[in-house]
Amino acid sequence: MDSALSSPTRLWSAAEVSTHPCPVPAAAGVYGWHFDEAPAPGLVAGRLLYVGIAPRHMSNRPSTQTLRKRVRYHFRGNAAGSTLRLTLGCLLGLELRRVGSGGRMTFGRAGEASLTEWMAEHAQVCWLEHEEPWTMESDLIARLDVPLNLDQNRHNGFHATLSKIRSDARARARELPITA
């Protein structure tokens, strides 16, 4: 299972994931993100840097998330709904801003567009279907070197650096005016 994410036989680009019919299954599972350009100094390009799951375990209601929805959202959504986008944007030096009523933070229209473009050029994804992906998330993060994952990943050497970068970006955003 680990090698299917860390050394997959096939990686998919944003352009391929955006096609119809979409190659990403509308099913539960785990996904892994690879980058041909490192988003920050100290990270290695051309390897697995982040893993995610879809759906998250929801004890109070069923989740509607699937691999297809999550992967597509990471490629073209915003930082408020994607911790991967939040991390990448912060590492790439994009300005995080409070938006709407001020409770959400994104990189604004221009920043999110820039991040979407960067991901289209440098990010690729792979996935594995699994009926209960939440049962394997902790184990994958513990076994794989995935420096862009923060949750359950304090053992990773990049954790403190990434935590500080994201915390500083949020603190700066709180000092700035809310944008539309």
Protein backbone atom coordinates (compact mmCIF):
# COMPACT_ATOMS: atom_id res chain seq x y z
CA MET A 1 0.00 0.00 0.00
CA ASP A 2 2.80 2.45 0.91
CA SER A 3 4.60 1.97 -2.39
CA ALA A 4 1.38 2.55 -4.34
CA LEU A 5 1.47 6.10 -2.95
CA SER A 6 5.21 6.72 -2.65
CA SER A 7 6.25 5.00 -5.92
CA PRO A 8 3.08 4.83 -8.01
CA THR A 9 3.01 3.38 -11.49
CA ARG A 10 1.01 6.43 -12.66
CA LEU A 11 0.65 10.06 -11.56
CA TRP A 12 -2.14 12.34 -12.73
CA SER A 13 -1.92 16.04 -13.56
CA ALA A 14 -4.50 18.78 -13.03
CA ALA A 15 -5.33 18.75 -16.74
CA GLU A 16 -5.98 15.00 -16.68
CA VAL A 17 -8.08 15.17 -13.51
CA SER A 18 -10.17 17.97 -15.05
CA THR A 19 -11.24 15.90 -18.06
CA HIS A 20 -14.65 14.34 -18.55
CA PRO A 21 -15.02 11.57 -17.80
CA CYS A 22 -12.77 12.13 -14.80
CA PRO A 23 -10.22 9.37 -14.14
CA VAL A 24 -10.48 9.84 -10.35
CA PRO A 25 -13.10 7.48 -8.95
CA ALA A 26 -16.12 8.84 -7.09
CA ALA A 27 -15.25 6.50 -4.24
CA ALA A 28 -13.60 6.52 -0.82
CA GLY A 29 -9.85 6.19 -0.56
CA VAL A 30 -6.44 7.72 0.05
CA TYR A 31 -4.45 10.00 -2.23
CA GLY A 32 -0.82 11.07 -2.47
CA TRP A 33 0.63 14.32 -3.85
CA HIS A 34 3.97 14.49 -5.68
CA PHE A 35 5.68 17.68 -6.88
CA ASP A 36 8.26 18.04 -9.64
CA GLU A 37 9.37 21.31 -8.01
CA ALA A 38 9.78 21.54 -4.24
CA PRO A 39 7.45 24.18 -2.78
CA ALA A 40 10.10 25.18 -0.21
CA PRO A 41 13.83 24.89 0.47
CA GLY A 42 14.66 21.70 2.32
CA LEU A 43 11.97 19.66 0.59
CA VAL A 44 12.84 17.19 -2.14
CA ALA A 45 11.17 17.45 -5.54
CA GLY A 46 9.93 14.43 -7.46
CA ARG A 47 8.56 12.51 -4.50
CA LEU A 48 5.52 12.03 -2.29
CA LEU A 49 5.10 15.03 0.04
CA TYR A 50 1.47 14.79 1.25
CA VAL A 51 -1.24 12.19 1.80
CA GLY A 52 -4.95 12.73 2.33
CA ILE A 53 -8.14 10.76 2.70
CA ALA A 54 -11.69 11.02 1.44
CA PRO A 55 -13.95 10.94 3.23
CA ARG A 56 -13.02 11.79 6.82
CA HIS A 57 -14.79 9.65 9.39
CA MET A 58 -17.99 11.42 10.38
CA SER A 59 -19.58 9.93 13.50
CA ASN A 60 -22.56 12.30 13.46
CA ARG A 61 -23.48 12.19 9.75
CA PRO A 62 -22.46 10.51 6.50
CA SER A 63 -19.83 12.34 4.46
CA THR A 64 -20.39 13.09 0.78
CA GLN A 65 -16.68 13.48 0.04
CA THR A 66 -15.03 11.18 -2.50
CA LEU A 67 -11.57 10.90 -3.99
CA ARG A 68 -12.82 12.74 -7.07
CA LYS A 69 -14.26 15.67 -5.11
CA ARG A 70 -11.19 16.06 -2.84
CA VAL A 71 -8.56 15.74 -5.57
CA ARG A 72 -10.36 18.20 -7.83
CA TYR A 73 -10.87 20.63 -4.93
CA HIS A 74 -7.19 20.52 -4.02
CA PHE A 75 -6.32 21.34 -7.63
CA ARG A 76 -8.78 24.22 -8.07
CA GLY A 77 -10.44 25.14 -4.75
CA ASN A 78 -9.19 27.55 -2.10
CA ALA A 79 -7.12 27.50 1.08
CA ALA A 80 -10.17 27.66 3.35
CA GLY A 81 -11.28 24.21 2.13
CA SER A 82 -7.92 22.57 1.48
CA THR A 83 -5.14 22.24 4.02
CA LEU A 84 -2.84 21.22 1.14
CA ARG A 85 -3.56 24.51 -0.67
CA LEU A 86 -3.12 26.44 2.57
CA THR A 87 0.26 24.81 3.14
CA LEU A 88 1.48 25.25 -0.44
CA GLY A 89 0.39 28.89 -0.63
CA CYS A 90 2.12 29.71 2.65
CA LEU A 91 5.31 27.96 1.52
CA LEU A 92 5.22 29.78 -1.81
CA GLY A 93 4.88 33.14 -0.03
CA LEU A 94 1.34 34.00 -1.08
CA GLU A 95 -0.48 36.46 1.15
CA LEU A 96 -3.17 34.83 3.27
CA ARG A 97 -6.20 37.07 3.85
CA ARG A 98 -9.43 36.94 5.83
CA VAL A 99 -12.34 36.89 3.39
CA GLY A 100 -16.13 37.24 3.47
CA SER A 101 -17.26 37.79 7.06
CA GLY A 102 -13.66 37.31 8.22
CA GLY A 103 -13.96 33.75 9.50
CA ARG A 104 -12.35 32.14 6.46
CA MET A 105 -8.82 32.63 5.13
CA THR A 106 -7.74 32.25 1.52
CA PHE A 107 -5.12 33.75 -0.76
CA GLY A 108 -7.73 35.93 -2.48
CA ARG A 109 -8.72 35.59 -6.13
CA ALA A 110 -5.30 36.42 -7.55
CA GLY A 111 -3.39 34.33 -5.03
CA GLU A 112 -5.64 31.30 -5.43
CA ALA A 113 -5.37 31.62 -9.23
CA SER A 114 -1.58 31.76 -8.92
CA LEU A 115 -1.59 28.69 -6.68
CA THR A 116 -3.89 26.81 -9.06
CA GLU A 117 -1.47 27.60 -11.89
CA TRP A 118 1.55 26.50 -9.82
CA MET A 119 -0.18 23.24 -8.96
CA ALA A 120 -1.17 22.66 -12.59
CA GLU A 121 2.51 22.97 -13.53
CA HIS A 122 4.13 21.10 -10.63
CA ALA A 123 1.68 18.84 -8.76
CA GLN A 124 0.61 15.33 -9.62
CA VAL A 125 -1.57 12.94 -7.67
CA CYS A 126 -2.20 9.23 -7.29
CA TRP A 127 -4.87 7.40 -5.30
CA LEU A 128 -6.06 4.09 -3.96
CA GLU A 129 -9.66 3.19 -3.30
CA HIS A 130 -10.40 2.03 0.25
CA GLU A 131 -13.82 1.73 1.91
CA GLU A 132 -12.65 3.18 5.25
CA PRO A 133 -9.63 5.40 4.53
CA TRP A 134 -9.68 6.92 8.02
CA THR A 135 -8.57 3.54 9.37
CA MET A 136 -5.25 3.84 7.54
CA GLU A 137 -4.44 7.58 7.67
CA SER A 138 -2.49 7.53 10.96
CA ASP A 139 -0.49 4.50 9.89
CA LEU A 140 0.41 6.01 6.52
CA ILE A 141 1.54 9.29 8.08
CA ALA A 142 3.60 7.39 10.67
CA ARG A 143 5.33 5.21 8.05
CA LEU A 144 5.76 7.61 5.14
CA ASP A 145 7.92 10.73 5.06
CA VAL A 146 5.19 13.26 4.20
CA PRO A 147 6.50 16.67 5.30
CA LEU A 148 3.44 18.64 4.13
CA ASN A 149 1.12 16.77 6.51
CA LEU A 150 0.83 18.46 9.91
CA ASP A 151 -1.89 16.45 11.66
CA GLN A 152 -0.45 13.34 13.37
CA ASN A 153 3.00 14.17 11.98
CA ARG A 154 5.00 15.84 14.80
CA HIS A 155 7.76 13.27 14.26
CA ASN A 156 8.54 14.73 10.82
CA GLY A 157 11.61 16.98 10.67
CA PHE A 158 9.73 19.66 8.69
CA HIS A 159 6.76 19.83 11.11
CA ALA A 160 8.03 22.72 13.28
CA THR A 161 9.07 24.78 10.26
CA LEU A 162 5.76 24.30 8.47
CA SER A 163 3.74 24.94 11.64
CA LYS A 164 5.55 28.26 12.17
CA ILE A 165 5.14 29.35 8.54
CA ARG A 166 1.40 28.66 8.64
CA SER A 167 0.96 30.24 12.07
CA ASP A 168 2.83 33.38 10.98
CA ALA A 169 0.71 33.63 7.82
CA ARG A 170 -2.50 33.38 9.86
CA ALA A 171 -1.27 36.00 12.34
CA ARG A 172 -0.45 38.42 9.48
CA ALA A 173 -3.87 37.77 7.91
CA ARG A 174 -5.60 38.67 11.17
CA GLU A 175 -3.85 42.07 11.14
CA LEU A 176 -4.98 42.89 7.59
CA PRO A 177 -8.39 44.18 6.56
CA ILE A 178 -10.98 41.64 5.41
CA THR A 179 -11.17 41.35 1.62
CA ALA A 180 -14.08 40.45 -0.64
